[in-house]
C-alpha atoms as a PDB file:
ATOM      1  CA  MET A   1     198.737 -62.143 162.448  1.00  0.00           C
ATOM      2  CA  GLN A   2     200.595 -62.532 165.785  1.00  0.00           C
ATOM      3  CA  THR A   3     198.623 -63.673 168.780  1.00  0.00           C
ATOM      4  CA  VAL A   4     199.204 -62.116 172.137  1.00  0.00           C
ATOM      5  CA  THR A   5     198.026 -63.705 175.353  1.00  0.00           C
ATOM      6  CA  ALA A   6     197.873 -62.439 179.007  1.00  0.00           C
ATOM      7  CA  TYR A   7     196.432 -63.328 182.324  1.00  0.00           C
ATOM      8  CA  ASP A   8     195.748 -62.200 185.903  1.00  0.00           C
ATOM      9  CA  ASP A   9     195.557 -64.518 188.918  1.00  0.00           C
ATOM     10  CA  TYR A  10     193.351 -64.294 192.011  1.00  0.00           C
ATOM     11  CA  ASP A  11     193.535 -66.076 195.282  1.00  0.00           C
ATOM     12  CA  TYR A  12     189.738 -66.128 195.617  1.00  0.00           C
ATOM     13  CA  VAL A  13     186.864 -67.122 193.748  1.00  0.00           C
ATOM     14  CA  ILE A  14     185.946 -64.787 190.856  1.00  0.00           C
ATOM     15  CA  ALA A  15     183.381 -64.297 188.010  1.00  0.00           C
ATOM     16  CA  GLU A  16     183.513 -62.447 184.748  1.00  0.00           C
ATOM     17  CA  SER A  17     181.779 -59.450 186.356  1.00  0.00           C
ATOM     18  CA  ASP A  18     184.451 -59.249 189.012  1.00  0.00           C
ATOM     19  CA  VAL A  19     187.489 -58.716 186.581  1.00  0.00           C
ATOM     20  CA  PRO A  20     188.199 -56.151 183.726  1.00  0.00           C
ATOM     21  CA  ALA A  21     186.910 -57.071 180.276  1.00  0.00           C
ATOM     22  CA  THR A  22     190.048 -55.942 178.559  1.00  0.00           C
ATOM     23  CA  LYS A  23     193.827 -55.938 179.484  1.00  0.00           C
ATOM     24  CA  THR A  24     196.516 -53.715 177.744  1.00  0.00           C
ATOM     25  CA  VAL A  25     199.840 -55.446 177.434  1.00  0.00           C
ATOM     26  CA  THR A  26     203.086 -54.587 175.580  1.00  0.00           C
ATOM     27  CA  GLU A  27     204.484 -57.262 173.232  1.00  0.00           C
ATOM     28  CA  THR A  28     207.406 -57.164 170.832  1.00  0.00           C
ATOM     29  CA  ASN A  29     206.395 -57.433 167.164  1.00  0.00           C
ATOM     30  CA  ARG A  30     208.277 -60.427 165.841  1.00  0.00           C
ATOM     31  CA  ILE A  31     208.669 -58.762 162.322  1.00  0.00           C
ATOM     32  CA  THR A  32     209.720 -55.251 163.275  1.00  0.00           C
ATOM     33  CA  GLY A  33     211.351 -56.103 166.661  1.00  0.00           C
ATOM     34  CA  GLU A  34     209.591 -53.072 168.126  1.00  0.00           C
ATOM     35  CA  PRO A  35     207.366 -53.099 171.215  1.00  0.00           C
ATOM     36  CA  GLU A  36     203.766 -52.592 170.658  1.00  0.00           C
ATOM     37  CA  GLU A  37     200.747 -51.993 172.978  1.00  0.00           C
ATOM     38  CA  VAL A  38     198.027 -54.610 172.450  1.00  0.00           C
ATOM     39  CA  ILE A  39     194.393 -54.460 173.862  1.00  0.00           C
ATOM     40  CA  CYS A  40     193.486 -57.952 174.944  1.00  0.00           C
ATOM     41  CA  ASN A  41     190.019 -59.174 175.593  1.00  0.00           C
ATOM     42  CA  LEU A  42     188.733 -61.472 178.311  1.00  0.00           C
ATOM     43  CA  THR A  43     188.388 -64.939 177.098  1.00  0.00           C
ATOM     44  CA  GLY A  44     187.412 -66.997 180.149  1.00  0.00           C
ATOM     45  CA  ILE A  45     188.144 -67.800 183.817  1.00  0.00           C
ATOM     46  CA  HIS A  46     189.299 -71.128 185.134  1.00  0.00           C
ATOM     47  CA  PRO A  47     191.102 -72.491 188.355  1.00  0.00           C
ATOM     48  CA  ALA A  48     194.767 -72.258 188.147  1.00  0.00           C
ATOM     49  CA  GLY A  49     195.926 -74.621 190.742  1.00  0.00           C
ATOM     50  CA  MET A  50     197.039 -74.223 194.391  1.00  0.00           C
ATOM     51  CA  VAL A  51     199.822 -72.107 195.755  1.00  0.00           C
ATOM     52  CA  MET A  52     201.102 -71.659 199.286  1.00  0.00           C
ATOM     53  CA  ALA A  53     200.301 -68.126 200.455  1.00  0.00           C
ATOM     54  CA  ASN A  54     201.707 -66.360 203.410  1.00  0.00           C
ATOM     55  CA  ASN A  55     199.448 -65.140 206.016  1.00  0.00           C
ATOM     56  CA  THR A  56     199.430 -63.876 209.743  1.00  0.00           C
ATOM     57  CA  MET A  57     197.264 -64.550 212.548  1.00  0.00           C
ATOM     58  CA  THR A  58     196.983 -62.679 215.904  1.00  0.00           C
ATOM     59  CA  VAL A  59     197.067 -64.440 219.270  1.00  0.00           C
ATOM     60  CA  THR A  60     196.249 -62.597 222.382  1.00  0.00           C
ATOM     61  CA  PHE A  61     197.626 -63.751 225.726  1.00  0.00           C
ATOM     62  CA  THR A  62     195.966 -62.648 229.037  1.00  0.00           C
ATOM     63  CA  ASN A  63     197.503 -62.403 232.519  1.00  0.00           C
ATOM     64  CA  TYR A  64     200.633 -61.272 230.937  1.00  0.00           C
ATOM     65  CA  ASP A  65     202.137 -60.278 234.228  1.00  0.00           C
ATOM     66  CA  ALA A  66     201.579 -63.804 235.735  1.00  0.00           C
ATOM     67  CA  ALA A  67     204.132 -66.608 235.886  1.00  0.00           C
ATOM     68  CA  TYR A  68     201.759 -68.364 233.337  1.00  0.00           C
ATOM     69  CA  TYR A  69     200.040 -66.774 230.349  1.00  0.00           C
ATOM     70  CA  GLU A  70     196.534 -67.797 229.488  1.00  0.00           C
ATOM     71  CA  TRP A  71     195.426 -68.460 225.932  1.00  0.00           C
ATOM     72  CA  ASN A  72     192.446 -70.406 224.753  1.00  0.00           C
ATOM     73  CA  GLY A  73     192.010 -72.114 228.170  1.00  0.00           C
ATOM     74  CA  ASN A  74     195.664 -72.974 228.188  1.00  0.00           C
ATOM     75  CA  TYR A  75     198.133 -71.822 230.767  1.00  0.00           C
ATOM     76  CA  ILE A  76     201.562 -71.466 229.128  1.00  0.00           C
ATOM     77  CA  PRO A  77     204.906 -70.710 230.926  1.00  0.00           C
ATOM     78  CA  ARG A  78     205.884 -67.023 230.758  1.00  0.00           C
ATOM     79  CA  ASN A  79     208.448 -66.123 228.000  1.00  0.00           C
ATOM     80  CA  ASP A  80     209.169 -62.376 227.355  1.00  0.00           C
ATOM     81  CA  GLU A  81     211.583 -63.161 224.481  1.00  0.00           C
ATOM     82  CA  ILE A  82     209.410 -65.352 222.090  1.00  0.00           C
ATOM     83  CA  PRO A  83     205.712 -66.175 222.453  1.00  0.00           C
ATOM     84  CA  PRO A  84     205.578 -69.770 223.851  1.00  0.00           C
ATOM     85  CA  LEU A  85     203.253 -71.418 221.398  1.00  0.00           C
ATOM     86  CA  SER A  86     205.269 -74.378 220.237  1.00  0.00           C
ATOM     87  CA  GLY A  87     203.171 -77.522 220.458  1.00  0.00           C
ATOM     88  CA  TYR A  88     199.911 -75.563 220.036  1.00  0.00           C
ATOM     89  CA  GLU A  89     200.109 -75.191 216.269  1.00  0.00           C
ATOM     90  CA  ALA A  90     196.982 -77.431 215.687  1.00  0.00           C
ATOM     91  CA  GLN A  91     194.760 -75.386 217.939  1.00  0.00           C
ATOM     92  CA  LEU A  92     195.973 -72.157 216.400  1.00  0.00           C
ATOM     93  CA  LEU A  93     195.226 -73.215 212.855  1.00  0.00           C
ATOM     94  CA  GLU A  94     191.865 -74.737 213.934  1.00  0.00           C
ATOM     95  CA  ASN A  95     190.795 -71.559 215.672  1.00  0.00           C
ATOM     96  CA  ALA A  96     191.927 -69.505 212.797  1.00  0.00           C
ATOM     97  CA  GLY A  97     189.869 -71.647 210.311  1.00  0.00           C
ATOM     98  CA  ALA A  98     193.090 -72.244 208.106  1.00  0.00           C
ATOM     99  CA  ALA A  99     192.761 -74.705 205.258  1.00  0.00           C
ATOM    100  CA  ALA A 100     194.011 -78.224 205.508  1.00  0.00           C
ATOM    101  CA  GLY A 101     197.861 -78.401 204.892  1.00  0.00           C
ATOM    102  CA  SER A 102     198.572 -74.957 206.351  1.00  0.00           C
ATOM    103  CA  ILE A 103     201.607 -74.581 208.522  1.00  0.00           C
ATOM    104  CA  ILE A 104     202.966 -72.153 211.112  1.00  0.00           C
ATOM    105  CA  THR A 105     206.399 -71.015 210.339  1.00  0.00           C
ATOM    106  CA  GLY A 106     207.129 -68.692 213.324  1.00  0.00           C
ATOM    107  CA  TYR A 107     206.110 -66.471 216.151  1.00  0.00           C
ATOM    108  CA  SER A 108     206.820 -62.890 217.384  1.00  0.00           C
ATOM    109  CA  TRP A 109     205.565 -60.365 219.892  1.00  0.00           C
ATOM    110  CA  ASN A 110     203.457 -57.667 218.467  1.00  0.00           C
ATOM    111  CA  GLY A 111     203.766 -54.354 220.553  1.00  0.00           C
ATOM    112  CA  ASP A 112     203.753 -53.944 224.305  1.00  0.00           C
ATOM    113  CA  ALA A 113     201.435 -55.049 226.960  1.00  0.00           C
ATOM    114  CA  TYR A 114     198.132 -53.208 227.458  1.00  0.00           C
ATOM    115  CA  LEU A 115     195.303 -53.383 230.067  1.00  0.00           C
ATOM    116  CA  VAL A 116     191.616 -54.574 229.097  1.00  0.00           C
ATOM    117  CA  ASN A 117     189.303 -54.277 232.091  1.00  0.00           C
ATOM    118  CA  GLY A 118     192.266 -54.296 234.528  1.00  0.00           C
ATOM    119  CA  VAL A 119     193.662 -57.478 233.081  1.00  0.00           C
ATOM    120  CA  LEU A 120     197.126 -57.212 231.471  1.00  0.00           C
ATOM    121  CA  CYS A 121     197.251 -58.518 227.823  1.00  0.00           C
ATOM    122  CA  ARG A 122     199.969 -58.854 225.028  1.00  0.00           C
ATOM    123  CA  ASP A 123     199.505 -59.815 221.353  1.00  0.00           C
ATOM    124  CA  ALA A 124     201.531 -62.154 219.372  1.00  0.00           C
ATOM    125  CA  ILE A 125     201.865 -62.882 215.729  1.00  0.00           C
ATOM    126  CA  ALA A 126     201.907 -66.330 214.169  1.00  0.00           C
ATOM    127  CA  ASN A 127     203.217 -66.587 210.567  1.00  0.00           C
ATOM    128  CA  VAL A 128     201.215 -68.930 208.555  1.00  0.00           C
ATOM    129  CA  GLN A 129     201.601 -70.659 205.070  1.00  0.00           C
ATOM    130  CA  GLN A 130     198.436 -72.061 203.767  1.00  0.00           C
ATOM    131  CA  PRO A 131     197.426 -73.498 200.353  1.00  0.00           C
ATOM    132  CA  VAL A 132     194.927 -71.213 198.350  1.00  0.00           C
ATOM    133  CA  GLN A 133     193.050 -72.124 195.310  1.00  0.00           C
ATOM    134  CA  MET A 134     194.045 -69.668 192.476  1.00  0.00           C
ATOM    135  CA  TYR A 135     191.702 -68.453 189.760  1.00  0.00           C
ATOM    136  CA  ARG A 136     193.005 -67.148 186.478  1.00  0.00           C
ATOM    137  CA  ALA A 137     191.357 -64.687 184.060  1.00  0.00           C
ATOM    138  CA  GLU A 138     192.813 -65.075 180.613  1.00  0.00           C
ATOM    139  CA  TYR A 139     192.907 -62.356 177.963  1.00  0.00           C
ATOM    140  CA  SER A 140     193.824 -62.621 174.062  1.00  0.00           C
ATOM    141  CA  GLY A 141     194.678 -60.034 171.287  1.00  0.00           C
ATOM    142  CA  VAL A 142     196.456 -59.844 168.092  1.00  0.00           C
ATOM    143  CA  ILE A 143     199.132 -57.826 166.287  1.00  0.00           C
ATOM    144  CA  GLN A 144     198.428 -57.410 162.589  1.00  0.00           C
ATOM    145  CA  ILE A 145     201.308 -58.398 160.451  1.00  0.00           C
ATOM    146  CA  PRO A 146     201.288 -58.251 156.549  1.00  0.00           C
ATOM    147  CA  LYS A 147     201.506 -61.678 154.744  1.00  0.00           C
ATOM    148  CA  GLU A 148     204.916 -63.023 154.249  1.00  0.00           C
ATOM    149  CA  THR A 149     206.498 -65.716 152.089  1.00  0.00           C
ATOM    150  CA  VAL A 150     208.109 -68.542 153.722  1.00  0.00           C
ATOM    151  CA  TYR A 151     210.536 -70.828 151.859  1.00  0.00           C
ATOM    152  CA  LYS A 152     211.351 -74.352 152.856  1.00  0.00           C
ATOM    153  CA  ALA A 153     214.674 -75.800 151.822  1.00  0.00           C
ATOM    154  CA  ILE A 154     215.373 -79.582 151.895  1.00  0.00           C
ATOM    155  CA  TYR A 155     218.917 -80.882 151.929  1.00  0.00           C
ATOM    156  CA  GLU A 156     219.914 -84.330 151.046  1.00  0.00           C
ATOM    157  CA  THR A 157     223.156 -86.278 151.639  1.00  0.00           C
ATOM    158  CA  GLU A 158     224.553 -89.777 151.203  1.00  0.00           C
ATOM    159  CA  ASP A 159     225.628 -89.925 154.835  1.00  0.00           C
ATOM    160  CA  VAL A 160     222.599 -91.990 155.978  1.00  0.00           C
ATOM    161  CA  ASP A 161     224.275 -92.877 159.175  1.00  0.00           C
ATOM    162  CA  GLY A 162     224.893 -89.284 160.225  1.00  0.00           C
ATOM    163  CA  ALA A 163     228.558 -89.765 160.891  1.00  0.00           C
ATOM    164  CA  LYS A 164     229.431 -86.534 159.139  1.00  0.00           C
ATOM    165  CA  GLU A 165     228.482 -83.087 160.381  1.00  0.00           C
ATOM    166  CA  TYR A 166     227.402 -80.705 157.819  1.00  0.00           C
ATOM    167  CA  THR A 167     227.220 -76.900 158.286  1.00  0.00           C
ATOM    168  CA  VAL A 168     224.554 -75.215 155.875  1.00  0.00           C
ATOM    169  CA  LYS A 169     224.463 -71.554 155.268  1.00  0.00           C
ATOM    170  CA  ALA A 170     221.164 -69.987 154.026  1.00  0.00           C
ATOM    171  CA  THR A 171     221.215 -66.644 152.370  1.00  0.00           C
ATOM    172  CA  ALA A 172     217.962 -64.740 151.754  1.00  0.00           C
ATOM    173  CA  VAL A 173     217.997 -62.048 149.052  1.00  0.00           C
ATOM    174  CA  TYR A 174     215.124 -59.553 148.740  1.00  0.00           C
ATOM    175  CA  ALA A 175     214.405 -56.570 146.651  1.00  0.00           C
ATOM    176  CA  GLU A 176     212.510 -53.392 147.448  1.00  0.00           C
ATOM    177  CA  LYS A 177     209.198 -53.369 145.830  1.00  0.00           C
ATOM    178  CA  LYS A 178     209.423 -50.493 143.187  1.00  0.00           C
ATOM    179  CA  THR A 179     206.605 -48.060 142.463  1.00  0.00           C
ATOM    180  CA  VAL A 180     205.301 -47.313 138.870  1.00  0.00           C
ATOM    181  CA  LEU A 181     204.963 -43.622 139.748  1.00  0.00           C
ATOM    182  CA  PRO A 182     208.257 -42.641 138.159  1.00  0.00           C
ATOM    183  CA  TYR A 183     207.318 -44.305 134.841  1.00  0.00           C
ATOM    184  CA  ILE A 184     203.837 -42.663 134.898  1.00  0.00           C
ATOM    185  CA  LEU A 185     205.466 -39.202 135.565  1.00  0.00           C
ATOM    186  CA  THR A 186     207.987 -39.876 132.676  1.00  0.00           C
ATOM    187  CA  GLY A 187     205.166 -40.780 130.283  1.00  0.00           C
ATOM    188  CA  ALA A 188     203.187 -37.784 131.213  1.00  0.00           C
ATOM    189  CA  GLY A 189     206.234 -35.661 130.528  1.00  0.00           C
ATOM    190  CA  ILE A 190     206.709 -37.045 127.116  1.00  0.00           C
ATOM    191  CA  LEU A 191     203.068 -36.561 126.196  1.00  0.00           C
ATOM    192  CA  ILE A 192     203.228 -32.857 127.405  1.00  0.00           C
ATOM    193  CA  LEU A 193     206.381 -32.341 125.222  1.00  0.00           C
ATOM    194  CA  ILE A 194     204.741 -33.813 121.988  1.00  0.00           C
ATOM    195  CA  GLY A 195     201.635 -31.712 122.488  1.00  0.00           C
ATOM    196  CA  ALA A 196     203.899 -28.684 122.868  1.00  0.00           C
ATOM    197  CA  VAL A 197     205.711 -29.432 119.584  1.00  0.00           C
ATOM    198  CA  ILE A 198     202.461 -30.208 117.831  1.00  0.00           C
ATOM    199  CA  ALA A 199     201.081 -26.799 119.046  1.00  0.00           C
ATOM    200  CA  ILE A 200     204.207 -24.860 117.927  1.00  0.00           C
ATOM    201  CA  LEU A 201     203.921 -26.432 114.378  1.00  0.00           C
ATOM    202  CA  MET A 202     200.331 -25.611 114.060  1.00  0.00           C
ATOM    203  CA  MET A 203     201.041 -22.043 115.145  1.00  0.00           C
ATOM    204  CA  LEU A 204     203.905 -21.916 112.488  1.00  0.00           C
ATOM    205  CA  SER A 205     201.686 -23.209 109.794  1.00  0.00           C
ATOM    206  CA  LYS A 206     198.856 -20.704 110.398  1.00  0.00           C
ATOM    207  CA  LYS A 207     201.510 -17.913 110.445  1.00  0.00           C
ATOM    208  CA  GLU A 208     202.779 -19.140 106.942  1.00  0.00           C
ATOM    209  CA  GLU A 209     199.343 -19.491 105.597  1.00  0.00           C
ATOM    210  CA  ARG A 210     198.563 -15.937 106.535  1.00  0.00           C
ATOM    211  CA  ARG A 211     201.798 -14.640 105.046  1.00  0.00           C
ATOM    212  CA  THR A 212     201.136 -16.527 101.673  1.00  0.00           C
ATOM    213  CA  ARG A 213     197.506 -15.025 101.608  1.00  0.00           C
ATOM    214  CA  LYS A 214     198.806 -11.438 101.965  1.00  0.00           C
ATOM    215  CA  ILE A 215     201.496 -12.046  99.252  1.00  0.00           C
ATOM    216  CA  LYS A 216     198.689 -13.332  96.833  1.00  0.00           C
ATOM    217  CA  GLU A 217     196.596 -10.267  97.514  1.00  0.00           C
ATOM    218  CA  LYS A 218     199.542  -8.007  96.975  1.00  0.00           C
ATOM    219  CA  ASN A 219     200.306  -9.572  93.499  1.00  0.00           C
ATOM    220  CA  LYS A 220     196.952  -9.080  92.103  1.00  0.00           C
ATOM    221  CA  ASN A 221     198.068  -6.020  90.092  1.00  0.00           C
ATOM    222  CA  GLY A 222     201.318  -7.795  88.986  1.00  0.00           C
ATOM    223  CA  PHE A 223     202.015 -10.139  86.139  1.00  0.00           C
ATOM    224  CA  ILE A 224     202.449 -13.560  87.281  1.00  0.00           C
ATOM    225  CA  GLY A 225     202.095 -16.804  85.110  1.00  0.00           C
ATOM    226  CA  LYS A 226     202.715 -17.900  81.609  1.00  0.00           C
ATOM    227  CA  PHE A 227     204.278 -15.518  79.038  1.00  0.00           C
ATOM    228  CA  ASN A 228     202.078 -14.844  76.007  1.00  0.00           C
ATOM    229  CA  ARG A 229     203.550 -16.685  73.094  1.00  0.00           C
ATOM    230  CA  ASN A 230     202.662 -14.194  70.451  1.00  0.00           C
ATOM    231  CA  ILE A 231     204.115 -11.183  72.388  1.00  0.00           C
ATOM    232  CA  CYS A 232     207.376 -13.256  73.008  1.00  0.00           C
ATOM    233  CA  ASN A 233     207.478 -14.184  69.232  1.00  0.00           C
ATOM    234  CA  LYS A 234     207.134 -10.528  68.157  1.00  0.00           C
ATOM    235  CA  ARG A 235     209.577  -9.272  70.666  1.00  0.00           C
ATOM    236  CA  ALA A 236     212.065 -12.098  69.724  1.00  0.00           C
ATOM    237  CA  GLY A 237     211.726 -10.977  66.040  1.00  0.00           C
ATOM    238  CA  LYS A 238     212.508  -7.381  66.730  1.00  0.00           C
ATOM    239  CA  THR A 239     215.673  -8.164  68.551  1.00  0.00           C
ATOM    240  CA  GLY A 240     216.687 -10.692  65.916  1.00  0.00           C
ATOM    241  CA  ASN A 241     216.690 -13.538  68.480  1.00  0.00           C
ATOM    242  CA  PRO A 242     217.012 -16.777  66.492  1.00  0.00           C
ATOM    243  CA  ASN A 243     215.102 -18.571  69.241  1.00  0.00           C
ATOM    244  CA  GLY A 244     212.022 -16.510  68.681  1.00  0.00           C
ATOM    245  CA  SER A 245     209.698 -19.369  68.647  1.00  0.00           C
ATOM    246  CA  TRP A 246     209.405 -20.421  72.279  1.00  0.00           C
ATOM    247  CA  SER A 247     207.027 -20.061  75.413  1.00  0.00           C
ATOM    248  CA  PHE A 248     207.967 -19.252  79.017  1.00  0.00           C
ATOM    249  CA  ASP A 249     205.890 -21.371  81.366  1.00  0.00           C
ATOM    250  CA  TYR A 250     207.667 -20.589  84.669  1.00  0.00           C
ATOM    251  CA  TYR A 251     205.598 -19.234  87.670  1.00  0.00           C
ATOM    252  CA  ARG A 252     207.329 -17.428  90.431  1.00  0.00           C
ATOM    253  CA  ILE A 253     204.908 -16.776  93.305  1.00  0.00           C
ATOM    254  CA  GLY A 254     205.493 -13.601  95.225  1.00  0.00           C
ATOM    255  CA  ILE A 255     207.834 -11.825  92.682  1.00  0.00           C
ATOM    256  CA  PRO A 256     205.632  -9.749  90.263  1.00  0.00           C
ATOM    257  CA  PHE A 257     207.140  -8.395  86.989  1.00  0.00           C
ATOM    258  CA  ARG A 258     206.036  -6.951  83.787  1.00  0.00           C
ATOM    259  CA  ILE A 259     207.019  -7.595  80.170  1.00  0.00           C
ATOM    260  CA  SER A 260     209.941  -5.059  79.242  1.00  0.00           C
ATOM    261  CA  GLU A 261     211.575  -4.179  76.002  1.00  0.00           C
ATOM    262  CA  GLY A 262     213.168  -7.235  74.440  1.00  0.00           C
ATOM    263  CA  CYS A 263     212.450 -10.956  75.194  1.00  0.00           C
ATOM    264  CA  ARG A 264     215.211 -13.175  76.431  1.00  0.00           C
ATOM    265  CA  LEU A 265     215.427 -16.857  77.432  1.00  0.00           C
ATOM    266  CA  VAL A 266     215.755 -17.777  80.984  1.00  0.00           C
END
C-alpha cells in the first residue's frame, strides 16, 4: 500500500465545512512507474505558519490642482510623477488596519484626476506586504499495491577501519509465475483419448460377439465336434487303414463338415 498526501492552503481562518471533503491528485505508482489518480479524504485543518502576502491600498488626494495635496489632514507638496507619501507609511498602514509587521514597498498614481462636488481628486496606489496567518487543509489517500518480498543482504569485511572502498553489485532474479491451466488441459485431453479408445474396443467386442452368435446359429445343421469312434473304426477297416483304432477330438468352430467316404488321420 502506497500512501498519498495532499493539502490546500488558505490565507484566512477556515473550518471543515468551508473546504472540500475530498481532493483528487495524480501520483506515480512506485511499482509500475505509471501515474494514477487518487481520491484523498480530508484528515484535518491546522495553522500553517505566517507568510508575507502582497496587497494594495488606495489613497485619495484632494485639492489635486493646488500647490499642496491634502490627505488625512496632511498637506503634502505637489508631485505629478510619484505620489508624495514617503514618511507617511505608519499612518497609511494604521488607517488600512494592516497587521503588525506590514511594510509599504512602493507607490503609483491610479488613473487621472476627477471632480467630486467641485473638488479635484486623484487616487494613488500603495503596494503593501503584510504577514498573513495561513491555514492548511490536509488530505490523505492510498494506492493499492500487491505484497512484495524484500530481501536484505549484509556484507562483512575485514577492513574495520574503512580504508578500502568496495563496490557491491546486487542482481535480482525473478521468474514469472506459471499457471497450472496447461497441465489441466493436457490431463483432460489424455482422459478423453483413453475414453475414446475404450469406447472403440467395446464397440469391436460387441461386433465380434454378434458375428460369433450368427456363426453358431448357422452351424446348427452342420457337424461340429468329436468324431464317432465306432464310425471311424468301421471306415478305417473298410479302407484297410492300419491305424483304424483312433478318435478325432478336434473342434473347428465356424467350419461345418460331414463324414464322407473313408476316414483319414489329420
